[in-house]
Amino acid sequence: MASLFHKSKTRRQESAALTAHGSINLVPLVDILTSIVFFSLLTLQNAETAALTSFDLTLPPAVVTTPEELAKLKSDKEVLNLLLTVRVDNNQLLIEHSEQGGFRRAIPGLDSAALAQFQMLMTQIRTTYNQNNDVLVIPNDDISYEDIVHVLARLKLAHFSGISLGTRSRGAGSGGK
């Protein structure tokens, strides 16, 4: 007769070959699930924040000049009465529009006071020309994205919904080549 020790040792040796490669380590699975939960919560918060600060960037407005093109339009709402441009330079904001011989106003600086003055002016333009909600923003080549986002946010606060982001040729600001 074999002792209890020998019987259990024999059973362990017989089952060792069957379970040697079949054991499951749950630590990596728990690590992966923890990471998924963490990044899901992080993404959910950023998705809500992004929804609050999103911008609808559309193409620049089309200019209608000939009477034939005016006749093709379906309603008066599609007629663009004002071409509004905001140029963002290193030390100023330049607002231009095409009404009555042209309007041009420069706001020095890009700090919060200049942005508040910019928002007030853009709100006045929006209330004066309430049929027009399009504006073209043209940043200089070396403007930081943060400054562009601040300008776009102020335009959105001034109730402009057709905000377009444009570019200019590199030599356009220095008289061309």
Protein backbone atom coordinates (compact mmCIF):
# COMPACT_ATOMS: atom_id res chain seq x y z
CA MET A 1 0.00 0.00 0.00
CA ALA A 2 1.08 3.46 -0.88
CA SER A 3 0.95 6.20 1.63
CA LEU A 4 -1.27 9.24 1.30
CA PHE A 5 1.78 11.33 0.48
CA HIS A 6 2.75 9.09 -2.45
CA LYS A 7 -0.83 9.05 -3.81
CA SER A 8 -1.11 12.84 -3.80
CA LYS A 9 2.35 13.17 -5.33
CA THR A 10 1.40 10.77 -8.12
CA ARG A 11 -1.86 12.65 -8.81
CA ARG A 12 0.00 15.97 -8.97
CA GLN A 13 2.50 14.53 -11.46
CA GLU A 14 -0.28 13.11 -13.64
CA SER A 15 -2.25 16.36 -13.67
CA ALA A 16 0.84 18.56 -14.09
CA ALA A 17 1.19 17.56 -17.73
CA LEU A 18 -2.46 18.49 -18.37
CA THR A 19 -2.43 21.88 -16.64
CA ALA A 20 1.13 23.06 -17.32
CA HIS A 21 0.12 25.25 -20.28
CA GLY A 22 -3.52 25.75 -19.43
CA SER A 23 -3.39 28.08 -16.46
CA ILE A 24 -4.75 31.59 -16.90
CA ASN A 25 -2.98 34.59 -15.46
CA LEU A 26 -5.66 37.19 -14.67
CA VAL A 27 -3.31 40.08 -13.79
CA PRO A 28 -2.81 41.29 -17.43
CA LEU A 29 -6.56 41.01 -18.04
CA VAL A 30 -7.31 43.18 -15.01
CA ASP A 31 -4.66 45.69 -16.13
CA ILE A 32 -6.23 45.96 -19.60
CA LEU A 33 -9.75 46.35 -18.22
CA THR A 34 -8.55 49.06 -15.81
CA SER A 35 -6.91 50.93 -18.69
CA ILE A 36 -10.06 50.68 -20.79
CA VAL A 37 -12.20 52.10 -18.00
CA PHE A 38 -9.71 54.91 -17.30
CA PHE A 39 -9.39 56.00 -20.93
CA SER A 40 -13.13 55.69 -21.50
CA LEU A 41 -13.81 58.10 -18.67
CA LEU A 42 -11.06 60.43 -19.89
CA THR A 43 -12.42 60.39 -23.45
CA LEU A 44 -15.97 61.00 -22.28
CA GLN A 45 -14.92 64.15 -20.45
CA ASN A 46 -12.92 65.44 -23.45
CA ALA A 47 -15.79 64.68 -25.85
CA GLU A 48 -18.13 66.85 -23.77
CA THR A 49 -15.52 69.62 -23.62
CA ALA A 50 -14.89 69.41 -27.36
CA ALA A 51 -18.61 69.70 -28.06
CA LEU A 52 -18.69 72.99 -26.17
CA THR A 53 -15.72 74.50 -28.04
CA SER A 54 -16.21 73.10 -31.52
CA PHE A 55 -16.18 75.34 -34.57
CA ASP A 56 -17.98 74.81 -37.84
CA LEU A 57 -15.38 75.81 -40.41
CA THR A 58 -16.97 76.21 -43.84
CA LEU A 59 -15.71 77.29 -47.22
CA PRO A 60 -15.30 81.02 -47.90
CA PRO A 61 -18.46 82.75 -49.12
CA ALA A 62 -19.04 83.04 -52.86
CA VAL A 63 -19.13 86.50 -54.42
CA VAL A 64 -22.04 87.19 -56.77
CA THR A 65 -21.39 90.04 -59.20
CA THR A 66 -23.38 89.63 -62.43
CA PRO A 67 -27.15 90.06 -62.82
CA GLU A 68 -27.36 86.59 -64.39
CA GLU A 69 -25.90 85.05 -61.28
CA LEU A 70 -28.28 87.10 -59.12
CA ALA A 71 -31.25 85.79 -61.14
CA LYS A 72 -30.15 82.20 -60.49
CA LEU A 73 -30.45 82.63 -56.74
CA LYS A 74 -33.62 81.30 -55.15
CA SER A 75 -34.09 83.89 -52.43
CA ASP A 76 -32.69 87.13 -51.07
CA LYS A 77 -31.14 85.31 -48.13
CA GLU A 78 -28.56 83.72 -50.42
CA VAL A 79 -27.34 87.13 -51.67
CA LEU A 80 -24.14 88.10 -49.90
CA ASN A 81 -24.34 91.78 -48.98
CA LEU A 82 -21.14 92.04 -46.99
CA LEU A 83 -17.69 90.53 -47.44
CA LEU A 84 -16.18 90.46 -43.96
CA THR A 85 -12.54 89.59 -43.32
CA VAL A 86 -10.53 89.35 -40.10
CA ARG A 87 -6.75 89.27 -40.47
CA VAL A 88 -4.85 88.03 -37.43
CA ASP A 89 -1.29 89.37 -37.25
CA ASN A 90 1.32 89.14 -34.50
CA ASN A 91 0.38 92.40 -32.85
CA GLN A 92 -3.06 93.32 -34.20
CA LEU A 93 -6.45 92.25 -35.51
CA LEU A 94 -7.50 93.89 -38.78
CA ILE A 95 -11.23 93.91 -39.61
CA GLU A 96 -12.27 94.77 -43.16
CA HIS A 97 -15.57 94.68 -44.99
CA SER A 98 -16.82 95.75 -48.38
CA GLU A 99 -19.74 98.04 -47.54
CA GLN A 100 -19.81 101.71 -48.68
CA GLY A 101 -16.30 102.14 -50.02
CA GLY A 102 -14.75 99.77 -47.53
CA PHE A 103 -14.37 99.57 -43.79
CA ARG A 104 -11.02 98.96 -42.16
CA ARG A 105 -10.30 98.95 -38.45
CA ALA A 106 -7.18 97.74 -36.66
CA ILE A 107 -7.26 96.60 -33.05
CA PRO A 108 -3.76 96.54 -31.55
CA GLY A 109 -2.69 93.53 -29.53
CA LEU A 110 -4.01 90.01 -29.00
CA ASP A 111 -4.59 90.19 -25.24
CA SER A 112 -7.94 89.83 -23.49
CA ALA A 113 -8.75 93.55 -23.69
CA ALA A 114 -8.13 93.57 -27.45
CA LEU A 115 -10.24 90.44 -27.86
CA ALA A 116 -13.08 92.03 -25.86
CA GLN A 117 -12.93 95.12 -28.09
CA PHE A 118 -12.86 92.82 -31.14
CA GLN A 119 -15.93 90.93 -29.93
CA MET A 120 -17.81 94.18 -29.30
CA LEU A 121 -17.01 95.49 -32.79
CA MET A 122 -17.97 92.19 -34.42
CA THR A 123 -21.25 92.15 -32.48
CA GLN A 124 -21.99 95.67 -33.76
CA ILE A 125 -21.26 94.57 -37.33
CA ARG A 126 -23.45 91.50 -36.88
CA THR A 127 -26.40 93.55 -35.61
CA THR A 128 -25.97 96.15 -38.36
CA TYR A 129 -25.83 93.49 -41.10
CA ASN A 130 -28.08 90.85 -39.56
CA GLN A 131 -28.59 89.02 -42.88
CA ASN A 132 -24.88 88.28 -43.06
CA ASN A 133 -23.41 85.62 -40.78
CA ASP A 134 -20.26 84.84 -42.79
CA VAL A 135 -16.75 85.90 -41.87
CA LEU A 136 -13.36 84.89 -43.28
CA VAL A 137 -10.45 84.63 -40.80
CA ILE A 138 -6.96 84.90 -42.33
CA PRO A 139 -4.17 84.23 -39.82
CA ASN A 140 -0.58 85.23 -40.42
CA ASP A 141 1.88 82.37 -40.93
CA ASP A 142 3.54 82.65 -37.52
CA ILE A 143 0.41 83.05 -35.35
CA SER A 144 -0.04 80.47 -32.61
CA TYR A 145 -3.04 78.16 -32.75
CA GLU A 146 -4.13 79.39 -29.34
CA ASP A 147 -4.55 82.95 -30.65
CA ILE A 148 -6.53 81.68 -33.66
CA VAL A 149 -8.82 79.67 -31.38
CA HIS A 150 -9.42 82.75 -29.19
CA VAL A 151 -10.39 84.79 -32.27
CA LEU A 152 -12.71 82.01 -33.50
CA ALA A 153 -14.32 81.76 -30.07
CA ARG A 154 -14.97 85.51 -29.96
CA LEU A 155 -16.54 85.35 -33.44
CA LYS A 156 -18.82 82.58 -32.25
CA LEU A 157 -19.80 84.66 -29.23
CA ALA A 158 -20.63 87.51 -31.64
CA HIS A 159 -23.17 85.15 -33.28
CA PHE A 160 -21.33 84.48 -36.55
CA SER A 161 -22.15 80.98 -37.76
CA GLY A 162 -20.43 80.93 -41.16
CA ILE A 163 -16.82 81.14 -39.98
CA SER A 164 -14.22 80.26 -42.63
CA LEU A 165 -10.51 79.87 -42.08
CA GLY A 166 -8.47 81.09 -45.06
CA THR A 167 -4.88 81.48 -46.10
CA ARG A 168 -2.92 84.01 -48.09
CA SER A 169 0.25 83.71 -50.10
CA ARG A 170 3.40 84.20 -48.07
CA GLY A 171 4.42 87.29 -50.00
CA ALA A 172 0.98 88.95 -49.85
CA GLY A 173 1.63 90.76 -46.58
CA SER A 174 4.94 92.25 -47.73
CA GLY A 175 3.80 93.70 -51.03
CA GLY A 176 4.15 90.52 -53.10
CA LYS A 177 7.02 89.34 -55.28
